[in-house]
Amino acid sequence: MNLSYYIELTGVGFFAISGALAAAEKKGHHNDIFSAFFTGFITAIGGGTLRDITLGNYPVAWVRDANVLWAIFFGFVLTILFARYWVRFRREIFLFDSIGIGIYTVIGTKISLSAGVNPFGAVILGMISAIFGGVIRDTLINEVPLIFRKEIYATACLAGATLYIALNYLNVDGDWNTGFSVLLVVLIRIVAVRYNLSLPTFKLPE
């Protein structure tokens, strides 16, 4: 088991935390423990599952590797134990989500390249790995998915995936490449939210 494997498990845990917290914070819903866990579970495995299905990797990651499920469970336990603290540290929750999408972007891109996918396809699959769990999460709790809001979200993933492929082409060490690419995603998200940056809107003329 290499460093990338443990980084992926860390991303799984972060996503499980962000999903469970999103369910718990949703007002007007009956948020029992199971619904919070299920939302965290779907958030953690949604993108990776779609990636594995697209690549024909069967069984998908969380079915063949019990450690993925343990990472989700551990993330959920942390959510329950420190629930009162998460509410106070909303910025850290945002940071967890940003780290999660950064990790999933890089891991998804790397797995896609290893499967022989062309670089452009690997970038797209890296993005899908990162954002699709969040799309399902937001749909479950009746929120507009982040990719349809003005926040820079999917674009940050595309940038991180592109950097990973560029550095991989330049034969940069895999661990350093992973770190730089994850960091780029996180920094783009932080700067975009801090300064309220967004891409130009596209609307049909009236």
N, C-alpha and C. Protein backbone atom coordinates (compact mmCIF):
# COMPACT_ATOMS: atom_id res chain seq x y z
N MET A 1 0.84 -1.19 0.00
CA MET A 1 0.00 0.00 0.00
C MET A 1 0.89 1.26 0.00
N ASN A 2 0.74 2.14 -1.02
CA ASN A 2 1.57 3.32 -1.11
C ASN A 2 0.86 4.54 -0.53
N LEU A 3 1.56 5.68 -0.60
CA LEU A 3 1.03 6.90 -0.03
C LEU A 3 -0.29 7.31 -0.68
N SER A 4 -0.39 7.14 -1.99
CA SER A 4 -1.61 7.54 -2.70
C SER A 4 -2.84 6.81 -2.16
N TYR A 5 -2.64 5.56 -1.76
CA TYR A 5 -3.76 4.78 -1.22
C TYR A 5 -4.28 5.41 0.06
N TYR A 6 -3.37 5.78 0.95
CA TYR A 6 -3.78 6.39 2.21
C TYR A 6 -4.35 7.78 2.00
N ILE A 7 -3.84 8.48 1.00
CA ILE A 7 -4.39 9.79 0.67
C ILE A 7 -5.84 9.63 0.20
N GLU A 8 -6.10 8.60 -0.59
CA GLU A 8 -7.46 8.36 -1.07
C GLU A 8 -8.39 8.05 0.11
N LEU A 9 -7.93 7.23 1.04
CA LEU A 9 -8.75 6.93 2.22
C LEU A 9 -9.03 8.19 3.04
N THR A 10 -8.05 9.08 3.10
CA THR A 10 -8.25 10.35 3.80
C THR A 10 -9.33 11.17 3.12
N GLY A 11 -9.30 11.20 1.78
CA GLY A 11 -10.33 11.90 1.03
C GLY A 11 -11.71 11.32 1.28
N VAL A 12 -11.78 10.00 1.37
CA VAL A 12 -13.05 9.32 1.66
C VAL A 12 -13.59 9.79 3.00
N GLY A 13 -12.71 9.84 4.00
CA GLY A 13 -13.13 10.27 5.33
C GLY A 13 -13.61 11.72 5.35
N PHE A 14 -12.90 12.60 4.65
CA PHE A 14 -13.30 14.00 4.58
C PHE A 14 -14.67 14.16 3.93
N PHE A 15 -14.90 13.40 2.86
CA PHE A 15 -16.18 13.49 2.18
C PHE A 15 -17.31 12.95 3.05
N ALA A 16 -17.03 11.89 3.79
CA ALA A 16 -18.05 11.34 4.69
C ALA A 16 -18.44 12.38 5.75
N ILE A 17 -17.46 13.10 6.26
CA ILE A 17 -17.73 14.14 7.25
C ILE A 17 -18.57 15.25 6.63
N SER A 18 -18.17 15.73 5.45
CA SER A 18 -18.89 16.85 4.84
C SER A 18 -20.32 16.45 4.48
N GLY A 19 -20.52 15.21 4.03
CA GLY A 19 -21.86 14.75 3.68
C GLY A 19 -22.76 14.62 4.89
N ALA A 20 -22.23 14.05 5.96
CA ALA A 20 -23.01 13.89 7.19
C ALA A 20 -23.37 15.24 7.78
N LEU A 21 -22.43 16.17 7.75
CA LEU A 21 -22.70 17.50 8.28
C LEU A 21 -23.74 18.25 7.45
N ALA A 22 -23.67 18.08 6.14
CA ALA A 22 -24.65 18.72 5.26
C ALA A 22 -26.05 18.23 5.58
N ALA A 23 -26.19 16.94 5.82
CA ALA A 23 -27.51 16.38 6.17
C ALA A 23 -27.97 16.89 7.52
N ALA A 24 -27.05 16.94 8.49
CA ALA A 24 -27.41 17.36 9.84
C ALA A 24 -27.82 18.82 9.90
N GLU A 25 -27.23 19.65 9.01
CA GLU A 25 -27.51 21.08 9.03
C GLU A 25 -28.74 21.45 8.23
N LYS A 26 -29.26 20.52 7.45
CA LYS A 26 -30.42 20.83 6.61
C LYS A 26 -31.66 21.00 7.47
N LYS A 27 -32.22 22.17 7.43
CA LYS A 27 -33.40 22.46 8.23
C LYS A 27 -34.66 21.96 7.53
N GLY A 28 -35.64 21.56 8.33
CA GLY A 28 -36.91 21.10 7.77
C GLY A 28 -36.92 19.63 7.40
N HIS A 29 -35.81 18.91 7.68
CA HIS A 29 -35.73 17.48 7.40
C HIS A 29 -35.66 16.71 8.71
N HIS A 30 -36.14 15.48 8.67
CA HIS A 30 -35.99 14.60 9.82
C HIS A 30 -34.62 13.94 9.71
N ASN A 31 -33.65 14.49 10.43
CA ASN A 31 -32.27 14.07 10.27
C ASN A 31 -31.87 13.08 11.36
N ASP A 32 -32.23 11.81 11.18
CA ASP A 32 -31.79 10.82 12.14
C ASP A 32 -30.37 10.37 11.80
N ILE A 33 -29.82 9.53 12.65
CA ILE A 33 -28.43 9.11 12.48
C ILE A 33 -28.23 8.37 11.17
N PHE A 34 -29.20 7.52 10.81
CA PHE A 34 -29.02 6.75 9.57
C PHE A 34 -29.01 7.67 8.35
N SER A 35 -29.91 8.64 8.32
CA SER A 35 -29.95 9.53 7.15
C SER A 35 -28.66 10.32 7.02
N ALA A 36 -28.11 10.75 8.16
CA ALA A 36 -26.83 11.48 8.13
C ALA A 36 -25.71 10.56 7.64
N PHE A 37 -25.70 9.31 8.14
CA PHE A 37 -24.67 8.36 7.71
C PHE A 37 -24.81 8.05 6.22
N PHE A 38 -26.04 7.84 5.77
CA PHE A 38 -26.26 7.49 4.37
C PHE A 38 -25.82 8.63 3.46
N THR A 39 -26.11 9.87 3.86
CA THR A 39 -25.69 11.01 3.06
C THR A 39 -24.17 11.10 3.00
N GLY A 40 -23.52 10.87 4.15
CA GLY A 40 -22.06 10.85 4.16
C GLY A 40 -21.49 9.73 3.31
N PHE A 41 -22.12 8.57 3.37
CA PHE A 41 -21.69 7.41 2.58
C PHE A 41 -21.79 7.71 1.09
N ILE A 42 -22.92 8.23 0.66
CA ILE A 42 -23.11 8.53 -0.76
C ILE A 42 -22.14 9.60 -1.23
N THR A 43 -21.92 10.60 -0.39
CA THR A 43 -20.97 11.66 -0.74
C THR A 43 -19.57 11.09 -0.95
N ALA A 44 -19.20 10.13 -0.10
CA ALA A 44 -17.85 9.57 -0.14
C ALA A 44 -17.63 8.63 -1.33
N ILE A 45 -18.65 7.88 -1.73
CA ILE A 45 -18.43 6.85 -2.75
C ILE A 45 -19.02 7.20 -4.12
N GLY A 46 -19.82 8.25 -4.19
CA GLY A 46 -20.54 8.55 -5.43
C GLY A 46 -19.64 8.76 -6.63
N GLY A 47 -18.67 9.67 -6.50
CA GLY A 47 -17.78 9.97 -7.63
C GLY A 47 -16.90 8.81 -8.02
N GLY A 48 -16.32 8.13 -7.03
CA GLY A 48 -15.46 6.99 -7.32
C GLY A 48 -16.21 5.84 -7.96
N THR A 49 -17.46 5.65 -7.53
CA THR A 49 -18.27 4.58 -8.12
C THR A 49 -18.54 4.84 -9.59
N LEU A 50 -18.92 6.08 -9.91
CA LEU A 50 -19.18 6.42 -11.31
C LEU A 50 -17.91 6.28 -12.15
N ARG A 51 -16.78 6.68 -11.58
CA ARG A 51 -15.50 6.53 -12.28
C ARG A 51 -15.20 5.06 -12.56
N ASP A 52 -15.34 4.22 -11.55
CA ASP A 52 -15.03 2.79 -11.73
C ASP A 52 -15.98 2.14 -12.73
N ILE A 53 -17.25 2.51 -12.70
CA ILE A 53 -18.20 1.96 -13.67
C ILE A 53 -17.82 2.38 -15.08
N THR A 54 -17.45 3.64 -15.24
CA THR A 54 -17.04 4.14 -16.56
C THR A 54 -15.82 3.40 -17.08
N LEU A 55 -14.87 3.12 -16.18
CA LEU A 55 -13.63 2.45 -16.57
C LEU A 55 -13.78 0.93 -16.65
N GLY A 56 -14.91 0.42 -16.19
CA GLY A 56 -15.11 -1.03 -16.18
C GLY A 56 -14.34 -1.72 -15.08
N ASN A 57 -14.05 -1.00 -14.00
CA ASN A 57 -13.35 -1.59 -12.86
C ASN A 57 -14.36 -2.23 -11.91
N TYR A 58 -14.55 -3.52 -12.05
CA TYR A 58 -15.53 -4.23 -11.21
C TYR A 58 -14.81 -5.26 -10.34
N PRO A 59 -15.27 -5.45 -9.10
CA PRO A 59 -16.24 -4.60 -8.41
C PRO A 59 -15.66 -3.23 -8.11
N VAL A 60 -16.52 -2.25 -7.87
CA VAL A 60 -16.06 -0.89 -7.62
C VAL A 60 -15.30 -0.84 -6.30
N ALA A 61 -14.58 0.27 -6.07
CA ALA A 61 -13.59 0.35 -4.98
C ALA A 61 -14.15 -0.01 -3.62
N TRP A 62 -15.31 0.54 -3.26
CA TRP A 62 -15.80 0.31 -1.90
C TRP A 62 -16.34 -1.10 -1.70
N VAL A 63 -16.61 -1.81 -2.79
CA VAL A 63 -17.06 -3.20 -2.69
C VAL A 63 -15.87 -4.13 -2.51
N ARG A 64 -14.78 -3.85 -3.20
CA ARG A 64 -13.63 -4.76 -3.14
C ARG A 64 -12.67 -4.44 -2.00
N ASP A 65 -12.75 -3.24 -1.43
CA ASP A 65 -11.80 -2.83 -0.39
C ASP A 65 -12.56 -2.36 0.84
N ALA A 66 -12.55 -3.16 1.89
CA ALA A 66 -13.28 -2.83 3.12
C ALA A 66 -12.72 -1.60 3.81
N ASN A 67 -11.46 -1.26 3.54
CA ASN A 67 -10.88 -0.08 4.18
C ASN A 67 -11.61 1.21 3.79
N VAL A 68 -12.20 1.22 2.59
CA VAL A 68 -12.98 2.39 2.17
C VAL A 68 -14.18 2.56 3.10
N LEU A 69 -14.85 1.46 3.41
CA LEU A 69 -15.99 1.51 4.32
C LEU A 69 -15.57 1.90 5.73
N TRP A 70 -14.41 1.42 6.15
CA TRP A 70 -13.92 1.80 7.46
C TRP A 70 -13.61 3.29 7.52
N ALA A 71 -13.06 3.84 6.44
CA ALA A 71 -12.77 5.27 6.40
C ALA A 71 -14.05 6.09 6.50
N ILE A 72 -15.11 5.63 5.82
CA ILE A 72 -16.41 6.31 5.90
C ILE A 72 -16.95 6.23 7.32
N PHE A 73 -16.88 5.03 7.91
CA PHE A 73 -17.38 4.84 9.28
C PHE A 73 -16.62 5.72 10.27
N PHE A 74 -15.31 5.75 10.12
CA PHE A 74 -14.48 6.54 11.03
C PHE A 74 -14.80 8.02 10.88
N GLY A 75 -14.97 8.48 9.63
CA GLY A 75 -15.34 9.87 9.39
C GLY A 75 -16.67 10.21 10.04
N PHE A 76 -17.62 9.27 9.94
CA PHE A 76 -18.94 9.52 10.53
C PHE A 76 -18.86 9.56 12.05
N VAL A 77 -18.08 8.68 12.63
CA VAL A 77 -17.90 8.68 14.09
C VAL A 77 -17.32 10.01 14.56
N LEU A 78 -16.33 10.52 13.83
CA LEU A 78 -15.76 11.82 14.16
C LEU A 78 -16.80 12.92 14.08
N THR A 79 -17.69 12.80 13.09
CA THR A 79 -18.76 13.79 12.94
C THR A 79 -19.67 13.79 14.16
N ILE A 80 -20.03 12.60 14.63
CA ILE A 80 -20.92 12.48 15.79
C ILE A 80 -20.23 12.97 17.06
N LEU A 81 -19.00 12.54 17.27
CA LEU A 81 -18.29 12.87 18.50
C LEU A 81 -18.01 14.36 18.64
N PHE A 82 -17.74 15.01 17.53
CA PHE A 82 -17.34 16.41 17.59
C PHE A 82 -18.34 17.33 16.91
N ALA A 83 -19.61 16.92 16.91
CA ALA A 83 -20.65 17.67 16.21
C ALA A 83 -20.71 19.13 16.67
N ARG A 84 -20.63 19.35 17.97
CA ARG A 84 -20.77 20.71 18.49
C ARG A 84 -19.60 21.60 18.04
N TYR A 85 -18.45 20.98 17.79
CA TYR A 85 -17.28 21.75 17.36
C TYR A 85 -17.33 22.06 15.87
N TRP A 86 -17.90 21.11 15.09
CA TRP A 86 -17.99 21.36 13.64
C TRP A 86 -18.82 22.60 13.37
N VAL A 87 -19.87 22.80 14.14
CA VAL A 87 -20.75 23.95 13.93
C VAL A 87 -19.98 25.26 14.13
N ARG A 88 -19.05 25.24 15.07
CA ARG A 88 -18.28 26.44 15.36
C ARG A 88 -17.21 26.71 14.31
N PHE A 89 -16.78 25.67 13.63
CA PHE A 89 -15.66 25.81 12.70
C PHE A 89 -16.12 25.52 11.27
N ARG A 90 -17.02 26.36 10.78
CA ARG A 90 -17.56 26.15 9.43
C ARG A 90 -16.49 26.31 8.36
N ARG A 91 -15.51 27.17 8.63
CA ARG A 91 -14.44 27.34 7.65
C ARG A 91 -13.64 26.05 7.50
N GLU A 92 -13.44 25.35 8.62
CA GLU A 92 -12.72 24.09 8.56
C GLU A 92 -13.52 23.04 7.79
N ILE A 93 -14.85 23.09 7.94
CA ILE A 93 -15.70 22.16 7.20
C ILE A 93 -15.55 22.41 5.71
N PHE A 94 -15.55 23.68 5.33
CA PHE A 94 -15.32 24.04 3.93
C PHE A 94 -13.95 23.54 3.47
N LEU A 95 -12.95 23.68 4.36
CA LEU A 95 -11.61 23.23 4.02
C LEU A 95 -11.59 21.72 3.80
N PHE A 96 -12.30 20.96 4.66
CA PHE A 96 -12.36 19.51 4.50
C PHE A 96 -12.93 19.14 3.14
N ASP A 97 -14.00 19.82 2.75
CA ASP A 97 -14.62 19.54 1.46
C ASP A 97 -13.66 19.86 0.32
N SER A 98 -12.93 20.95 0.45
CA SER A 98 -11.96 21.34 -0.59
C SER A 98 -10.83 20.33 -0.69
N ILE A 99 -10.33 19.88 0.47
CA ILE A 99 -9.28 18.85 0.46
C ILE A 99 -9.81 17.57 -0.15
N GLY A 100 -11.06 17.23 0.19
CA GLY A 100 -11.66 16.02 -0.36
C GLY A 100 -11.74 16.04 -1.87
N ILE A 101 -12.22 17.15 -2.44
CA ILE A 101 -12.34 17.19 -3.91
C ILE A 101 -10.96 17.23 -4.56
N GLY A 102 -9.98 17.86 -3.85
CA GLY A 102 -8.62 17.86 -4.39
C GLY A 102 -8.05 16.45 -4.47
N ILE A 103 -8.21 15.69 -3.39
CA ILE A 103 -7.70 14.32 -3.36
C ILE A 103 -8.41 13.46 -4.39
N TYR A 104 -9.73 13.55 -4.45
CA TYR A 104 -10.48 12.73 -5.40
C TYR A 104 -10.16 13.08 -6.84
N THR A 105 -9.90 14.36 -7.10
CA THR A 105 -9.52 14.77 -8.45
C THR A 105 -8.24 14.07 -8.89
N VAL A 106 -7.24 14.13 -8.04
CA VAL A 106 -5.94 13.55 -8.37
C VAL A 106 -6.01 12.03 -8.47
N ILE A 107 -6.66 11.40 -7.51
CA ILE A 107 -6.77 9.94 -7.53
C ILE A 107 -7.54 9.48 -8.75
N GLY A 108 -8.64 10.16 -9.05
CA GLY A 108 -9.43 9.80 -10.23
C GLY A 108 -8.65 9.96 -11.51
N THR A 109 -7.87 11.01 -11.61
CA THR A 109 -7.04 11.24 -12.79
C THR A 109 -5.97 10.16 -12.92
N LYS A 110 -5.34 9.85 -11.81
CA LYS A 110 -4.27 8.83 -11.82
C LYS A 110 -4.80 7.47 -12.20
N ILE A 111 -5.92 7.07 -11.63
CA ILE A 111 -6.51 5.76 -11.95
C ILE A 111 -6.92 5.71 -13.41
N SER A 112 -7.45 6.80 -13.94
CA SER A 112 -7.88 6.85 -15.33
C SER A 112 -6.69 6.72 -16.27
N LEU A 113 -5.60 7.40 -15.96
CA LEU A 113 -4.39 7.28 -16.78
C LEU A 113 -3.85 5.86 -16.75
N SER A 114 -3.89 5.24 -15.57
CA SER A 114 -3.40 3.87 -15.44
C SER A 114 -4.24 2.89 -16.24
N ALA A 115 -5.50 3.26 -16.47
CA ALA A 115 -6.41 2.39 -17.23
C ALA A 115 -6.28 2.63 -18.73
N GLY A 116 -5.37 3.52 -19.13
CA GLY A 116 -5.15 3.77 -20.55
C GLY A 116 -6.03 4.85 -21.15
N VAL A 117 -6.71 5.61 -20.30
CA VAL A 117 -7.57 6.69 -20.79
C VAL A 117 -6.70 7.83 -21.31
N ASN A 118 -7.14 8.48 -22.39
CA ASN A 118 -6.38 9.61 -22.92
C ASN A 118 -6.38 10.75 -21.92
N PRO A 119 -5.41 11.67 -22.00
CA PRO A 119 -5.28 12.73 -21.00
C PRO A 119 -6.54 13.58 -20.83
N PHE A 120 -7.23 13.90 -21.92
CA PHE A 120 -8.44 14.71 -21.81
C PHE A 120 -9.53 13.96 -21.06
N GLY A 121 -9.68 12.69 -21.39
CA GLY A 121 -10.66 11.87 -20.69
C GLY A 121 -10.31 11.70 -19.23
N ALA A 122 -9.01 11.60 -18.92
CA ALA A 122 -8.57 11.44 -17.53
C ALA A 122 -8.89 12.69 -16.72
N VAL A 123 -8.76 13.86 -17.34
CA VAL A 123 -9.10 15.12 -16.65
C VAL A 123 -10.59 15.13 -16.31
N ILE A 124 -11.42 14.74 -17.28
CA ILE A 124 -12.87 14.73 -17.04
C ILE A 124 -13.24 13.72 -15.95
N LEU A 125 -12.65 12.53 -16.00
CA LEU A 125 -12.96 11.52 -14.99
C LEU A 125 -12.44 11.93 -13.61
N GLY A 126 -11.32 12.64 -13.59
CA GLY A 126 -10.82 13.16 -12.32
C GLY A 126 -11.81 14.14 -11.71
N MET A 127 -12.36 14.99 -12.55
CA MET A 127 -13.37 15.95 -12.08
C MET A 127 -14.62 15.23 -11.60
N ILE A 128 -15.09 14.26 -12.39
CA ILE A 128 -16.29 13.51 -12.02
C ILE A 128 -16.09 12.78 -10.69
N SER A 129 -14.92 12.20 -10.49
CA SER A 129 -14.61 11.52 -9.24
C SER A 129 -14.78 12.47 -8.05
N ALA A 130 -14.40 13.73 -8.27
CA ALA A 130 -14.40 14.70 -7.18
C ALA A 130 -15.78 15.27 -6.89
N ILE A 131 -16.57 15.54 -7.93
CA ILE A 131 -17.79 16.33 -7.71
C ILE A 131 -19.08 15.52 -7.67
N PHE A 132 -19.06 14.30 -8.21
CA PHE A 132 -20.34 13.61 -8.36
C PHE A 132 -20.95 13.21 -7.03
N GLY A 133 -20.12 12.84 -6.05
CA GLY A 133 -20.66 12.53 -4.73
C GLY A 133 -21.36 13.74 -4.13
N GLY A 134 -20.77 14.93 -4.32
CA GLY A 134 -21.39 16.15 -3.83
C GLY A 134 -22.68 16.48 -4.55
N VAL A 135 -22.73 16.16 -5.85
CA VAL A 135 -23.97 16.38 -6.62
C VAL A 135 -25.10 15.53 -6.03
N ILE A 136 -24.80 14.26 -5.76
CA ILE A 136 -25.81 13.38 -5.17
C ILE A 136 -26.20 13.87 -3.78
N ARG A 137 -25.20 14.27 -2.99
CA ARG A 137 -25.46 14.79 -1.64
C ARG A 137 -26.44 15.96 -1.68
N ASP A 138 -26.14 16.93 -2.53
CA ASP A 138 -26.99 18.13 -2.60
C ASP A 138 -28.39 17.78 -3.09
N THR A 139 -28.47 16.83 -4.01
CA THR A 139 -29.78 16.41 -4.51
C THR A 139 -30.59 15.74 -3.40
N LEU A 140 -29.93 14.91 -2.59
CA LEU A 140 -30.62 14.21 -1.50
C LEU A 140 -31.18 15.18 -0.47
N ILE A 141 -30.46 16.24 -0.19
CA ILE A 141 -30.91 17.18 0.84
C ILE A 141 -31.65 18.37 0.23
N ASN A 142 -32.01 18.23 -1.05
CA ASN A 142 -32.83 19.23 -1.73
C ASN A 142 -32.14 20.59 -1.83
N GLU A 143 -30.85 20.55 -2.18
CA GLU A 143 -30.09 21.77 -2.42
C GLU A 143 -29.66 21.82 -3.88
N VAL A 144 -29.45 23.03 -4.39
CA VAL A 144 -28.90 23.16 -5.74
C VAL A 144 -27.44 22.72 -5.70
N PRO A 145 -27.03 21.74 -6.50
CA PRO A 145 -25.63 21.29 -6.48
C PRO A 145 -24.66 22.43 -6.72
N LEU A 146 -23.50 22.34 -6.08
CA LEU A 146 -22.51 23.41 -6.17
C LEU A 146 -22.10 23.74 -7.60
N ILE A 147 -22.11 22.74 -8.48
CA ILE A 147 -21.68 23.02 -9.85
C ILE A 147 -22.65 23.93 -10.58
N PHE A 148 -23.87 24.10 -10.04
CA PHE A 148 -24.86 24.99 -10.64
C PHE A 148 -24.96 26.33 -9.91
N ARG A 149 -24.09 26.52 -8.92
CA ARG A 149 -24.02 27.81 -8.25
C ARG A 149 -22.84 28.58 -8.83
N LYS A 150 -22.68 29.81 -8.36
CA LYS A 150 -21.64 30.64 -8.97
C LYS A 150 -20.24 30.35 -8.44
N GLU A 151 -20.16 29.54 -7.39
CA GLU A 151 -18.84 29.20 -6.85
C GLU A 151 -17.99 28.46 -7.89
N ILE A 152 -16.68 28.75 -7.89
CA ILE A 152 -15.76 27.99 -8.73
C ILE A 152 -15.50 26.66 -8.03
N TYR A 153 -15.96 25.59 -8.64
CA TYR A 153 -15.94 24.27 -8.02
C TYR A 153 -15.35 23.24 -8.97
N ALA A 154 -16.12 22.90 -10.01
CA ALA A 154 -15.63 21.93 -10.99
C ALA A 154 -14.39 22.45 -11.71
N THR A 155 -14.33 23.77 -11.94
CA THR A 155 -13.18 24.34 -12.63
C THR A 155 -11.90 24.14 -11.84
N ALA A 156 -11.99 24.20 -10.52
CA ALA A 156 -10.82 23.95 -9.68
C ALA A 156 -10.32 22.52 -9.87
N CYS A 157 -11.27 21.59 -9.99
CA CYS A 157 -10.91 20.18 -10.21
C CYS A 157 -10.23 19.99 -11.57
N LEU A 158 -10.76 20.65 -12.58
CA LEU A 158 -10.16 20.57 -13.91
C LEU A 158 -8.73 21.09 -13.90
N ALA A 159 -8.51 22.18 -13.15
CA ALA A 159 -7.17 22.75 -13.06
C ALA A 159 -6.21 21.78 -12.36
N GLY A 160 -6.68 21.17 -11.27
CA GLY A 160 -5.83 20.23 -10.54
C GLY A 160 -5.51 19.00 -11.36
N ALA A 161 -6.49 18.48 -12.08
CA ALA A 161 -6.27 17.30 -12.93
C ALA A 161 -5.30 17.62 -14.05
N THR A 162 -5.45 18.81 -14.63
CA THR A 162 -4.55 19.22 -15.71
C THR A 162 -3.12 19.36 -15.22
N LEU A 163 -2.96 19.94 -14.03
CA LEU A 163 -1.62 20.06 -13.46
C LEU A 163 -1.01 18.69 -13.21
N TYR A 164 -1.83 17.76 -12.69
CA TYR A 164 -1.31 16.41 -12.42
C TYR A 164 -0.78 15.76 -13.69
N ILE A 165 -1.53 15.88 -14.77
CA ILE A 165 -1.12 15.27 -16.03
C ILE A 165 0.14 15.95 -16.57
N ALA A 166 0.22 17.29 -16.45
CA ALA A 166 1.39 18.02 -16.93
C ALA A 166 2.64 17.61 -16.16
N LEU A 167 2.52 17.54 -14.83
CA LEU A 167 3.68 17.17 -14.02
C LEU A 167 4.04 15.70 -14.23
N ASN A 168 3.03 14.87 -14.46
CA ASN A 168 3.29 13.46 -14.76
C ASN A 168 4.07 13.32 -16.06
N TYR A 169 3.70 14.14 -17.03
CA TYR A 169 4.41 14.13 -18.33
C TYR A 169 5.86 14.56 -18.15
N LEU A 170 6.10 15.45 -17.19
CA LEU A 170 7.45 15.94 -16.92
C LEU A 170 8.22 15.03 -15.96
N ASN A 171 7.60 13.88 -15.62
CA ASN A 171 8.23 12.87 -14.75
C ASN A 171 8.52 13.38 -13.35
N VAL A 172 7.67 14.26 -12.85
CA VAL A 172 7.78 14.71 -11.46
C VAL A 172 7.40 13.55 -10.54
N ASP A 173 8.09 13.42 -9.42
CA ASP A 173 7.80 12.35 -8.46
C ASP A 173 6.31 12.29 -8.15
N GLY A 174 5.76 11.07 -8.11
CA GLY A 174 4.32 10.90 -7.95
C GLY A 174 3.75 11.52 -6.70
N ASP A 175 4.46 11.38 -5.56
CA ASP A 175 3.96 11.94 -4.31
C ASP A 175 3.98 13.47 -4.34
N TRP A 176 5.06 14.04 -4.89
CA TRP A 176 5.12 15.50 -5.02
C TRP A 176 4.04 15.99 -5.98
N ASN A 177 3.86 15.27 -7.06
CA ASN A 177 2.84 15.63 -8.04
C ASN A 177 1.46 15.64 -7.38
N THR A 178 1.18 14.60 -6.62
CA THR A 178 -0.11 14.53 -5.92
C THR A 178 -0.29 15.71 -4.98
N GLY A 179 0.74 16.03 -4.21
CA GLY A 179 0.66 17.14 -3.27
C GLY A 179 0.43 18.47 -3.95
N PHE A 180 1.19 18.74 -5.01
CA PHE A 180 1.03 20.01 -5.73
C PHE A 180 -0.36 20.13 -6.35
N SER A 181 -0.84 19.05 -6.93
CA SER A 181 -2.12 19.08 -7.63
C SER A 181 -3.29 19.24 -6.67
N VAL A 182 -3.25 18.53 -5.54
CA VAL A 182 -4.28 18.70 -4.51
C VAL A 182 -4.25 20.12 -3.98
N LEU A 183 -3.05 20.63 -3.73
CA LEU A 183 -2.90 21.99 -3.20
C LEU A 183 -3.49 23.02 -4.16
N LEU A 184 -3.30 22.82 -5.45
CA LEU A 184 -3.85 23.76 -6.43
C LEU A 184 -5.36 23.82 -6.35
N VAL A 185 -6.00 22.66 -6.26
CA VAL A 185 -7.47 22.62 -6.15
C VAL A 185 -7.93 23.36 -4.90
N VAL A 186 -7.28 23.09 -3.78
CA VAL A 186 -7.66 23.71 -2.51
C VAL A 186 -7.46 25.23 -2.56
N LEU A 187 -6.33 25.67 -3.11
CA LEU A 187 -6.06 27.11 -3.18
C LEU A 187 -7.05 27.83 -4.08
N ILE A 188 -7.39 27.23 -5.21
CA ILE A 188 -8.36 27.85 -6.11
C ILE A 188 -9.70 28.00 -5.40
N ARG A 189 -10.12 26.96 -4.70
CA ARG A 189 -11.39 27.02 -3.97
C ARG A 189 -11.36 28.10 -2.89
N ILE A 190 -10.28 28.16 -2.13
CA ILE A 190 -10.19 29.13 -1.04
C ILE A 190 -10.20 30.56 -1.60
N VAL A 191 -9.40 30.81 -2.61
CA VAL A 191 -9.32 32.15 -3.20
C VAL A 191 -10.65 32.54 -3.82
N ALA A 192 -11.30 31.60 -4.52
CA ALA A 192 -12.58 31.89 -5.17
C ALA A 192 -13.66 32.26 -4.16
N VAL A 193 -13.71 31.52 -3.06
CA VAL A 193 -14.72 31.80 -2.03
C VAL A 193 -14.36 33.07 -1.27
N ARG A 194 -13.08 33.24 -0.97
CA ARG A 194 -12.65 34.42 -0.19
C ARG A 194 -12.95 35.71 -0.94
N TYR A 195 -12.73 35.72 -2.25
CA TYR A 195 -12.91 36.94 -3.03
C TYR A 195 -14.16 36.91 -3.91
N ASN A 196 -15.03 35.92 -3.65
CA ASN A 196 -16.32 35.84 -4.35
C ASN A 196 -16.13 35.80 -5.86
N LEU A 197 -15.19 35.00 -6.32
CA LEU A 197 -14.90 34.89 -7.75
C LEU A 197 -15.81 33.87 -8.40
N SER A 198 -16.14 34.09 -9.65
CA SER A 198 -16.97 33.15 -10.39
C SER A 198 -16.69 33.28 -11.88
N LEU A 199 -17.06 32.28 -12.63
CA LEU A 199 -16.90 32.33 -14.08
C LEU A 199 -18.00 33.20 -14.69
N PRO A 200 -17.77 33.72 -15.90
CA PRO A 200 -18.82 34.50 -16.55
C PRO A 200 -20.09 33.67 -16.74
N THR A 201 -21.23 34.29 -16.59
CA THR A 201 -22.49 33.59 -16.78
C THR A 201 -22.80 33.41 -18.26
N PHE A 202 -23.59 32.40 -18.55
CA PHE A 202 -24.02 32.15 -19.92
C PHE A 202 -25.53 32.06 -19.94
N LYS A 203 -26.15 33.00 -20.62
CA LYS A 203 -27.61 33.02 -20.73
C LYS A 203 -28.00 33.28 -22.18
N LEU A 204 -29.09 32.69 -22.57
CA LEU A 204 -29.60 32.93 -23.90
C LEU A 204 -30.22 34.33 -23.96
N PRO A 205 -30.03 35.01 -25.08
CA PRO A 205 -30.62 36.34 -25.20
C PRO A 205 -32.14 36.29 -25.19
N GLU A 206 -32.72 37.27 -24.55
CA GLU A 206 -34.20 37.29 -24.45
C GLU A 206 -34.82 37.88 -25.72
